[in-house]
Amino acid sequence: MLLEENIITFVKNELKKFQKALSSDYPECLESQREDEEVLDGEEEEQRRSSREAFLNISLHFLRSMKQEELADHLQSSKRVSIEI
């Protein structure tokens, strides 16, 4: 199924970005994230940003339910800055 493949690809890519954010220094993380992103028109960019924010919230929920508060807090603070940029 194409939809399933697209969702799985999206999730894997976002999880890789989260891993970089949690294991890298902040400037390197932002630089590599910008290099990975493709150029999108305004509407696509907004939809992608909205999807990323939703996935971040889902991930934070799972981390907190797993009692990984420190990781969740670190991810939330590092990703909030990169989403806003």
N, C-alpha and C. Protein backbone atom coordinates (compact mmCIF):
# COMPACT_ATOMS: atom_id res chain seq x y z
N MET A 1 0.83 -1.19 0.00
CA MET A 1 0.00 0.00 0.00
C MET A 1 0.87 1.25 0.00
N LEU A 2 0.57 2.14 -0.88
CA LEU A 2 1.35 3.36 -0.99
C LEU A 2 1.21 4.24 0.25
N LEU A 3 0.01 4.36 0.79
CA LEU A 3 -0.20 5.17 1.98
C LEU A 3 0.63 4.65 3.15
N GLU A 4 0.58 3.35 3.36
CA GLU A 4 1.35 2.74 4.45
C GLU A 4 2.84 2.97 4.27
N GLU A 5 3.34 2.82 3.06
CA GLU A 5 4.76 3.04 2.79
C GLU A 5 5.15 4.49 3.07
N ASN A 6 4.31 5.43 2.65
CA ASN A 6 4.60 6.84 2.89
C ASN A 6 4.62 7.17 4.38
N ILE A 7 3.68 6.61 5.12
CA ILE A 7 3.63 6.86 6.56
C ILE A 7 4.85 6.26 7.25
N ILE A 8 5.20 5.04 6.89
CA ILE A 8 6.37 4.39 7.50
C ILE A 8 7.64 5.16 7.18
N THR A 9 7.79 5.60 5.95
CA THR A 9 8.96 6.39 5.56
C THR A 9 9.02 7.69 6.36
N PHE A 10 7.89 8.37 6.50
CA PHE A 10 7.83 9.61 7.27
C PHE A 10 8.25 9.36 8.71
N VAL A 11 7.68 8.33 9.33
CA VAL A 11 7.98 8.02 10.73
C VAL A 11 9.46 7.70 10.90
N LYS A 12 10.02 6.89 10.02
CA LYS A 12 11.43 6.54 10.13
C LYS A 12 12.32 7.77 9.99
N ASN A 13 12.00 8.64 9.04
CA ASN A 13 12.80 9.85 8.85
C ASN A 13 12.72 10.77 10.06
N GLU A 14 11.53 10.93 10.62
CA GLU A 14 11.38 11.79 11.79
C GLU A 14 12.10 11.20 13.00
N LEU A 15 12.03 9.89 13.17
CA LEU A 15 12.73 9.26 14.29
C LEU A 15 14.24 9.44 14.16
N LYS A 16 14.76 9.38 12.94
CA LYS A 16 16.19 9.62 12.73
C LYS A 16 16.56 11.04 13.14
N LYS A 17 15.70 12.00 12.81
CA LYS A 17 15.95 13.39 13.19
C LYS A 17 15.91 13.55 14.71
N PHE A 18 14.97 12.84 15.36
CA PHE A 18 14.90 12.89 16.81
C PHE A 18 16.17 12.31 17.42
N GLN A 19 16.67 11.21 16.86
CA GLN A 19 17.91 10.61 17.37
C GLN A 19 19.06 11.59 17.25
N LYS A 20 19.15 12.28 16.12
CA LYS A 20 20.21 13.26 15.93
C LYS A 20 20.08 14.38 16.96
N ALA A 21 18.85 14.82 17.20
CA ALA A 21 18.63 15.92 18.15
C ALA A 21 19.03 15.50 19.56
N LEU A 22 18.82 14.25 19.89
CA LEU A 22 19.13 13.78 21.24
C LEU A 22 20.60 13.41 21.41
N SER A 23 21.30 13.13 20.32
CA SER A 23 22.69 12.67 20.45
C SER A 23 23.71 13.66 19.92
N SER A 24 23.28 14.72 19.28
CA SER A 24 24.21 15.68 18.68
C SER A 24 24.17 17.00 19.40
N ASP A 25 25.18 17.80 19.14
CA ASP A 25 25.15 19.17 19.61
C ASP A 25 24.11 19.92 18.80
N TYR A 26 23.48 20.90 19.40
CA TYR A 26 22.38 21.62 18.79
C TYR A 26 22.70 22.21 17.41
N PRO A 27 23.78 22.98 17.22
CA PRO A 27 24.03 23.57 15.90
C PRO A 27 24.20 22.52 14.80
N GLU A 28 24.89 21.43 15.09
CA GLU A 28 25.07 20.39 14.09
C GLU A 28 23.75 19.76 13.70
N CYS A 29 22.88 19.59 14.66
CA CYS A 29 21.57 19.00 14.42
C CYS A 29 20.76 19.88 13.48
N LEU A 30 20.73 21.17 13.74
CA LEU A 30 19.97 22.07 12.88
C LEU A 30 20.53 22.10 11.47
N GLU A 31 21.86 22.14 11.36
CA GLU A 31 22.49 22.18 10.05
C GLU A 31 22.16 20.94 9.24
N SER A 32 22.27 19.78 9.85
CA SER A 32 22.00 18.54 9.11
C SER A 32 20.53 18.42 8.78
N GLN A 33 19.64 18.93 9.65
CA GLN A 33 18.21 18.87 9.35
C GLN A 33 17.89 19.75 8.16
N ARG A 34 18.47 20.92 8.08
CA ARG A 34 18.22 21.80 6.95
C ARG A 34 18.73 21.20 5.65
N GLU A 35 19.86 20.51 5.71
CA GLU A 35 20.40 19.87 4.51
C GLU A 35 19.49 18.75 4.03
N ASP A 36 18.84 18.06 4.97
CA ASP A 36 17.97 16.94 4.62
C ASP A 36 16.64 17.37 4.02
N GLU A 37 16.20 18.59 4.32
CA GLU A 37 14.89 19.04 3.88
C GLU A 37 14.93 19.49 2.43
N GLU A 38 13.88 19.14 1.70
CA GLU A 38 13.76 19.56 0.32
C GLU A 38 13.00 20.87 0.26
N VAL A 39 13.12 21.58 -0.85
CA VAL A 39 12.43 22.84 -1.02
C VAL A 39 10.97 22.56 -1.37
N LEU A 40 10.07 23.15 -0.60
CA LEU A 40 8.64 22.94 -0.79
C LEU A 40 7.95 24.27 -0.98
N ASP A 41 6.78 24.24 -1.67
CA ASP A 41 6.01 25.48 -1.76
C ASP A 41 5.36 25.77 -0.41
N GLY A 42 4.78 26.94 -0.26
CA GLY A 42 4.27 27.38 1.03
C GLY A 42 3.25 26.45 1.66
N GLU A 43 2.29 25.97 0.88
CA GLU A 43 1.25 25.10 1.43
C GLU A 43 1.83 23.74 1.83
N GLU A 44 2.69 23.18 1.00
CA GLU A 44 3.33 21.90 1.33
C GLU A 44 4.20 22.05 2.57
N GLU A 45 4.91 23.15 2.64
CA GLU A 45 5.78 23.41 3.80
C GLU A 45 4.96 23.45 5.09
N GLU A 46 3.82 24.13 5.05
CA GLU A 46 2.97 24.23 6.23
C GLU A 46 2.39 22.86 6.60
N GLN A 47 1.98 22.07 5.63
CA GLN A 47 1.46 20.73 5.90
C GLN A 47 2.55 19.84 6.50
N ARG A 48 3.74 19.93 5.96
CA ARG A 48 4.85 19.13 6.48
C ARG A 48 5.17 19.54 7.91
N ARG A 49 5.20 20.84 8.18
CA ARG A 49 5.48 21.34 9.53
C ARG A 49 4.40 20.86 10.51
N SER A 50 3.16 20.91 10.08
CA SER A 50 2.05 20.46 10.93
C SER A 50 2.18 18.96 11.23
N SER A 51 2.55 18.18 10.23
CA SER A 51 2.74 16.74 10.43
C SER A 51 3.88 16.47 11.39
N ARG A 52 4.96 17.23 11.26
CA ARG A 52 6.10 17.05 12.16
C ARG A 52 5.73 17.38 13.60
N GLU A 53 4.99 18.46 13.78
CA GLU A 53 4.57 18.83 15.13
C GLU A 53 3.67 17.75 15.73
N ALA A 54 2.75 17.22 14.93
CA ALA A 54 1.86 16.16 15.41
C ALA A 54 2.66 14.91 15.79
N PHE A 55 3.63 14.54 14.95
CA PHE A 55 4.44 13.37 15.24
C PHE A 55 5.30 13.60 16.49
N LEU A 56 5.80 14.80 16.64
CA LEU A 56 6.56 15.13 17.85
C LEU A 56 5.69 14.94 19.09
N ASN A 57 4.47 15.43 19.04
CA ASN A 57 3.57 15.29 20.19
C ASN A 57 3.27 13.82 20.49
N ILE A 58 3.07 13.01 19.46
CA ILE A 58 2.84 11.58 19.65
C ILE A 58 4.08 10.94 20.30
N SER A 59 5.25 11.28 19.79
CA SER A 59 6.49 10.72 20.33
C SER A 59 6.70 11.13 21.78
N LEU A 60 6.42 12.39 22.09
CA LEU A 60 6.55 12.85 23.47
C LEU A 60 5.59 12.10 24.39
N HIS A 61 4.39 11.86 23.92
CA HIS A 61 3.42 11.09 24.70
C HIS A 61 3.96 9.70 25.02
N PHE A 62 4.50 9.02 24.00
CA PHE A 62 5.03 7.67 24.21
C PHE A 62 6.23 7.69 25.15
N LEU A 63 7.14 8.65 24.99
CA LEU A 63 8.29 8.72 25.88
C LEU A 63 7.85 8.93 27.33
N ARG A 64 6.89 9.81 27.53
CA ARG A 64 6.43 10.07 28.90
C ARG A 64 5.69 8.87 29.48
N SER A 65 4.94 8.16 28.64
CA SER A 65 4.24 6.97 29.15
C SER A 65 5.24 5.86 29.49
N MET A 66 6.45 5.93 28.89
CA MET A 66 7.52 4.97 29.19
C MET A 66 8.39 5.47 30.34
N LYS A 67 7.98 6.56 30.98
CA LYS A 67 8.71 7.16 32.11
C LYS A 67 10.09 7.68 31.69
N GLN A 68 10.17 8.20 30.48
CA GLN A 68 11.41 8.78 29.96
C GLN A 68 11.27 10.31 29.90
N GLU A 69 10.95 10.89 31.05
CA GLU A 69 10.68 12.33 31.13
C GLU A 69 11.86 13.18 30.66
N GLU A 70 13.06 12.80 31.07
CA GLU A 70 14.24 13.60 30.72
C GLU A 70 14.46 13.61 29.20
N LEU A 71 14.34 12.45 28.57
CA LEU A 71 14.46 12.38 27.11
C LEU A 71 13.36 13.19 26.44
N ALA A 72 12.15 13.06 26.93
CA ALA A 72 11.02 13.80 26.35
C ALA A 72 11.25 15.30 26.46
N ASP A 73 11.70 15.76 27.62
CA ASP A 73 11.96 17.19 27.81
C ASP A 73 13.06 17.68 26.88
N HIS A 74 14.13 16.91 26.77
CA HIS A 74 15.24 17.30 25.90
C HIS A 74 14.79 17.34 24.44
N LEU A 75 14.06 16.32 24.02
CA LEU A 75 13.56 16.28 22.64
C LEU A 75 12.63 17.45 22.38
N GLN A 76 11.74 17.71 23.30
CA GLN A 76 10.78 18.79 23.12
C GLN A 76 11.48 20.14 22.99
N SER A 77 12.46 20.40 23.82
CA SER A 77 13.14 21.69 23.75
C SER A 77 13.99 21.81 22.49
N SER A 78 14.65 20.75 22.07
CA SER A 78 15.50 20.84 20.87
C SER A 78 14.66 20.89 19.60
N LYS A 79 13.57 20.16 19.54
CA LYS A 79 12.75 20.15 18.34
C LYS A 79 11.89 21.40 18.23
N ARG A 80 11.46 21.97 19.35
CA ARG A 80 10.64 23.18 19.29
C ARG A 80 11.43 24.29 18.61
N VAL A 81 12.70 24.42 18.93
CA VAL A 81 13.53 25.45 18.31
C VAL A 81 13.68 25.18 16.82
N SER A 82 13.93 23.93 16.44
CA SER A 82 14.15 23.63 15.02
C SER A 82 12.86 23.72 14.21
N ILE A 83 11.71 23.45 14.81
CA ILE A 83 10.44 23.58 14.10
C ILE A 83 10.13 25.05 13.85
N GLU A 84 10.48 25.92 14.80
CA GLU A 84 10.17 27.34 14.67
C GLU A 84 11.04 28.02 13.63
N ILE A 85 12.20 27.47 13.34
CA ILE A 85 13.13 28.11 12.40
C ILE A 85 12.69 27.89 10.98
